[in-house]
Amino acid sequence: MKTLKIKHVLFFALVTIGFTSQGFGQSRPMDDATPEEKAEMATEKQKEKLSLDSNQEKQMYEINLKYIKEMEEIQAGGRSRSTMVKLKDMSDRRDKEVKGILGKDQYKEYTKMQEERREEMKKRMQSRRGNG
């Protein structure tokens, strides 16, 4: 039971990490980008998908930057159960801030983007298990 819970938290953390990298292409590893570059790329994708106005775009960039930096600090502590819990908490706080910026339809699309990312990560994890 405990192992299953840890797997769920780990999966959620991977999705959280993946969400911040949505704007990245295949040609440049996320590790090579600065937090500012990561925030800019994530914001650009959100701008396109969520039809952000200029004020929302600026606010989303600030949120993305804040949480990308926080995520990197958390990850620097290594991979552990407490790291995964911290990442989930961070994700929940980020979503709350984002909800305050976006309109109802935009937030609905934002959650849809997250769900698509979760599914993508789930497929990747399953293919790794099947091939490994």
C-alpha atoms as a PDB file:
ATOM      1  CA  MET A   1       0.000   0.000   0.000  1.00  0.00           C
ATOM      2  CA  LYS A   2       2.825   2.360   0.927  1.00  0.00           C
ATOM      3  CA  THR A   3       4.659   1.544  -2.318  1.00  0.00           C
ATOM      4  CA  LEU A   4       1.552   2.349  -4.354  1.00  0.00           C
ATOM      5  CA  LYS A   5       1.209   5.727  -2.638  1.00  0.00           C
ATOM      6  CA  ILE A   6       4.875   6.535  -3.286  1.00  0.00           C
ATOM      7  CA  LYS A   7       4.413   5.599  -6.955  1.00  0.00           C
ATOM      8  CA  HIS A   8       1.418   7.948  -7.200  1.00  0.00           C
ATOM      9  CA  VAL A   9       3.353  10.806  -5.619  1.00  0.00           C
ATOM     10  CA  LEU A  10       6.328  10.100  -7.892  1.00  0.00           C
ATOM     11  CA  PHE A  11       4.081  10.076 -10.952  1.00  0.00           C
ATOM     12  CA  PHE A  12       2.495  13.370  -9.913  1.00  0.00           C
ATOM     13  CA  ALA A  13       5.925  14.904  -9.398  1.00  0.00           C
ATOM     14  CA  LEU A  14       7.035  13.799 -12.844  1.00  0.00           C
ATOM     15  CA  VAL A  15       3.926  15.372 -14.329  1.00  0.00           C
ATOM     16  CA  THR A  16       4.645  18.575 -12.437  1.00  0.00           C
ATOM     17  CA  ILE A  17       8.184  18.620 -13.736  1.00  0.00           C
ATOM     18  CA  GLY A  18       6.979  17.836 -17.213  1.00  0.00           C
ATOM     19  CA  PHE A  19       4.419  20.612 -17.183  1.00  0.00           C
ATOM     20  CA  THR A  20       7.082  23.226 -16.754  1.00  0.00           C
ATOM     21  CA  SER A  21       8.905  21.878 -19.777  1.00  0.00           C
ATOM     22  CA  GLN A  22       5.923  21.966 -22.148  1.00  0.00           C
ATOM     23  CA  GLY A  23       7.435  24.679 -24.285  1.00  0.00           C
ATOM     24  CA  PHE A  24      10.636  22.789 -25.015  1.00  0.00           C
ATOM     25  CA  GLY A  25      11.504  21.236 -28.336  1.00  0.00           C
ATOM     26  CA  GLN A  26      13.394  18.004 -28.780  1.00  0.00           C
ATOM     27  CA  SER A  27      16.612  19.728 -29.799  1.00  0.00           C
ATOM     28  CA  ARG A  28      17.502  21.368 -26.487  1.00  0.00           C
ATOM     29  CA  PRO A  29      17.536  19.491 -23.191  1.00  0.00           C
ATOM     30  CA  MET A  30      15.683  21.224 -20.398  1.00  0.00           C
ATOM     31  CA  ASP A  31      18.743  20.972 -18.162  1.00  0.00           C
ATOM     32  CA  ASP A  32      20.674  23.359 -20.398  1.00  0.00           C
ATOM     33  CA  ALA A  33      18.134  26.171 -20.126  1.00  0.00           C
ATOM     34  CA  THR A  34      18.127  28.818 -17.411  1.00  0.00           C
ATOM     35  CA  PRO A  35      15.038  29.208 -15.220  1.00  0.00           C
ATOM     36  CA  GLU A  36      14.246  32.375 -17.162  1.00  0.00           C
ATOM     37  CA  GLU A  37      14.433  30.524 -20.477  1.00  0.00           C
ATOM     38  CA  LYS A  38      12.266  27.711 -19.130  1.00  0.00           C
ATOM     39  CA  ALA A  39       9.698  30.218 -17.850  1.00  0.00           C
ATOM     40  CA  GLU A  40       9.721  32.058 -21.161  1.00  0.00           C
ATOM     41  CA  MET A  41       9.143  28.867 -23.149  1.00  0.00           C
ATOM     42  CA  ALA A  42       6.390  27.615 -20.856  1.00  0.00           C
ATOM     43  CA  THR A  43       4.700  31.028 -20.928  1.00  0.00           C
ATOM     44  CA  GLU A  44       4.860  31.193 -24.715  1.00  0.00           C
ATOM     45  CA  LYS A  45       3.081  27.862 -25.008  1.00  0.00           C
ATOM     46  CA  GLN A  46       0.494  28.948 -22.434  1.00  0.00           C
ATOM     47  CA  LYS A  47      -0.001  32.253 -24.258  1.00  0.00           C
ATOM     48  CA  GLU A  48      -0.820  30.377 -27.424  1.00  0.00           C
ATOM     49  CA  LYS A  49      -3.020  27.674 -25.883  1.00  0.00           C
ATOM     50  CA  LEU A  50      -4.828  29.890 -23.366  1.00  0.00           C
ATOM     51  CA  SER A  51      -5.114  33.098 -25.430  1.00  0.00           C
ATOM     52  CA  LEU A  52      -3.496  35.159 -22.686  1.00  0.00           C
ATOM     53  CA  ASP A  53      -3.694  38.926 -22.795  1.00  0.00           C
ATOM     54  CA  SER A  54      -0.498  40.885 -22.161  1.00  0.00           C
ATOM     55  CA  ASN A  55      -1.217  41.316 -18.436  1.00  0.00           C
ATOM     56  CA  GLN A  56      -1.949  37.607 -17.979  1.00  0.00           C
ATOM     57  CA  GLU A  57       1.157  36.712 -19.959  1.00  0.00           C
ATOM     58  CA  LYS A  58       3.327  38.808 -17.644  1.00  0.00           C
ATOM     59  CA  GLN A  59       1.705  37.284 -14.550  1.00  0.00           C
ATOM     60  CA  MET A  60       2.045  33.736 -15.905  1.00  0.00           C
ATOM     61  CA  TYR A  61       5.718  34.339 -16.675  1.00  0.00           C
ATOM     62  CA  GLU A  62       6.300  35.476 -13.081  1.00  0.00           C
ATOM     63  CA  ILE A  63       4.468  32.422 -11.718  1.00  0.00           C
ATOM     64  CA  ASN A  64       6.324  30.070 -14.045  1.00  0.00           C
ATOM     65  CA  LEU A  65       9.680  31.585 -13.096  1.00  0.00           C
ATOM     66  CA  LYS A  66       8.899  31.482  -9.373  1.00  0.00           C
ATOM     67  CA  TYR A  67       7.893  27.835  -9.409  1.00  0.00           C
ATOM     68  CA  ILE A  68      10.612  26.679 -11.799  1.00  0.00           C
ATOM     69  CA  LYS A  69      13.189  28.130  -9.403  1.00  0.00           C
ATOM     70  CA  GLU A  70      11.445  26.529  -6.440  1.00  0.00           C
ATOM     71  CA  MET A  71      11.248  23.202  -8.256  1.00  0.00           C
ATOM     72  CA  GLU A  72      14.976  23.283  -8.979  1.00  0.00           C
ATOM     73  CA  GLU A  73      15.720  23.985  -5.315  1.00  0.00           C
ATOM     74  CA  ILE A  74      13.508  21.103  -4.216  1.00  0.00           C
ATOM     75  CA  GLN A  75      15.063  18.729  -6.742  1.00  0.00           C
ATOM     76  CA  ALA A  76      18.547  19.679  -5.594  1.00  0.00           C
ATOM     77  CA  GLY A  77      17.711  17.866  -2.347  1.00  0.00           C
ATOM     78  CA  GLY A  78      17.668  14.546  -4.183  1.00  0.00           C
ATOM     79  CA  ARG A  79      14.905  12.078  -4.899  1.00  0.00           C
ATOM     80  CA  SER A  80      12.978  11.096  -1.855  1.00  0.00           C
ATOM     81  CA  ARG A  81       9.436  10.788  -0.658  1.00  0.00           C
ATOM     82  CA  SER A  82       9.643  14.210   1.011  1.00  0.00           C
ATOM     83  CA  THR A  83      10.856  15.703  -2.284  1.00  0.00           C
ATOM     84  CA  MET A  84       7.803  14.323  -4.049  1.00  0.00           C
ATOM     85  CA  VAL A  85       5.504  15.673  -1.348  1.00  0.00           C
ATOM     86  CA  LYS A  86       7.134  19.109  -1.647  1.00  0.00           C
ATOM     87  CA  LEU A  87       6.709  19.042  -5.431  1.00  0.00           C
ATOM     88  CA  LYS A  88       3.018  18.183  -5.096  1.00  0.00           C
ATOM     89  CA  ASP A  89       2.525  20.998  -2.589  1.00  0.00           C
ATOM     90  CA  MET A  90       4.336  23.376  -4.931  1.00  0.00           C
ATOM     91  CA  SER A  91       2.115  22.308  -7.821  1.00  0.00           C
ATOM     92  CA  ASP A  92      -1.034  22.864  -5.769  1.00  0.00           C
ATOM     93  CA  ARG A  93       0.107  26.374  -4.799  1.00  0.00           C
ATOM     94  CA  ARG A  94       0.978  27.180  -8.412  1.00  0.00           C
ATOM     95  CA  ASP A  95      -2.432  26.021  -9.628  1.00  0.00           C
ATOM     96  CA  LYS A  96      -4.143  28.202  -7.035  1.00  0.00           C
ATOM     97  CA  GLU A  97      -2.191  31.258  -8.204  1.00  0.00           C
ATOM     98  CA  VAL A  98      -2.895  30.468 -11.857  1.00  0.00           C
ATOM     99  CA  LYS A  99      -6.615  30.096 -11.143  1.00  0.00           C
ATOM    100  CA  GLY A 100      -6.620  33.652  -9.801  1.00  0.00           C
ATOM    101  CA  ILE A 101      -5.196  34.984 -13.069  1.00  0.00           C
ATOM    102  CA  LEU A 102      -7.119  33.052 -15.685  1.00  0.00           C
ATOM    103  CA  GLY A 103     -10.760  33.297 -16.643  1.00  0.00           C
ATOM    104  CA  LYS A 104     -13.024  30.283 -16.142  1.00  0.00           C
ATOM    105  CA  ASP A 105     -12.619  28.965 -19.705  1.00  0.00           C
ATOM    106  CA  GLN A 106      -8.880  29.608 -19.697  1.00  0.00           C
ATOM    107  CA  TYR A 107      -8.458  27.716 -16.429  1.00  0.00           C
ATOM    108  CA  LYS A 108     -10.488  24.848 -17.847  1.00  0.00           C
ATOM    109  CA  GLU A 109      -8.068  24.732 -20.809  1.00  0.00           C
ATOM    110  CA  TYR A 110      -5.100  24.987 -18.408  1.00  0.00           C
ATOM    111  CA  THR A 111      -6.320  21.906 -16.506  1.00  0.00           C
ATOM    112  CA  LYS A 112      -6.893  20.147 -19.830  1.00  0.00           C
ATOM    113  CA  MET A 113      -3.266  20.890 -20.781  1.00  0.00           C
ATOM    114  CA  GLN A 114      -2.141  19.375 -17.489  1.00  0.00           C
ATOM    115  CA  GLU A 115      -4.258  16.275 -18.027  1.00  0.00           C
ATOM    116  CA  GLU A 116      -2.798  15.814 -21.513  1.00  0.00           C
ATOM    117  CA  ARG A 117       0.679  16.121 -20.030  1.00  0.00           C
ATOM    118  CA  ARG A 118      -0.184  13.538 -17.358  1.00  0.00           C
ATOM    119  CA  GLU A 119      -1.355  11.111 -20.028  1.00  0.00           C
ATOM    120  CA  GLU A 120       1.801  11.678 -22.044  1.00  0.00           C
ATOM    121  CA  MET A 121       3.969  11.033 -18.984  1.00  0.00           C
ATOM    122  CA  LYS A 122       1.922   7.960 -18.100  1.00  0.00           C
ATOM    123  CA  LYS A 123       2.497   6.529 -21.585  1.00  0.00           C
ATOM    124  CA  ARG A 124       6.228   7.217 -21.325  1.00  0.00           C
ATOM    125  CA  MET A 125       6.426   5.503 -17.959  1.00  0.00           C
ATOM    126  CA  GLN A 126       4.497   2.489 -19.259  1.00  0.00           C
ATOM    127  CA  SER A 127       6.711   2.190 -22.324  1.00  0.00           C
ATOM    128  CA  ARG A 128       9.824   2.318 -20.131  1.00  0.00           C
ATOM    129  CA  ARG A 129       8.453  -0.469 -17.966  1.00  0.00           C
ATOM    130  CA  GLY A 130       7.590  -2.524 -21.027  1.00  0.00           C
ATOM    131  CA  ASN A 131      11.022  -2.020 -22.573  1.00  0.00           C
ATOM    132  CA  GLY A 132      13.065  -2.192 -19.395  1.00  0.00           C
END
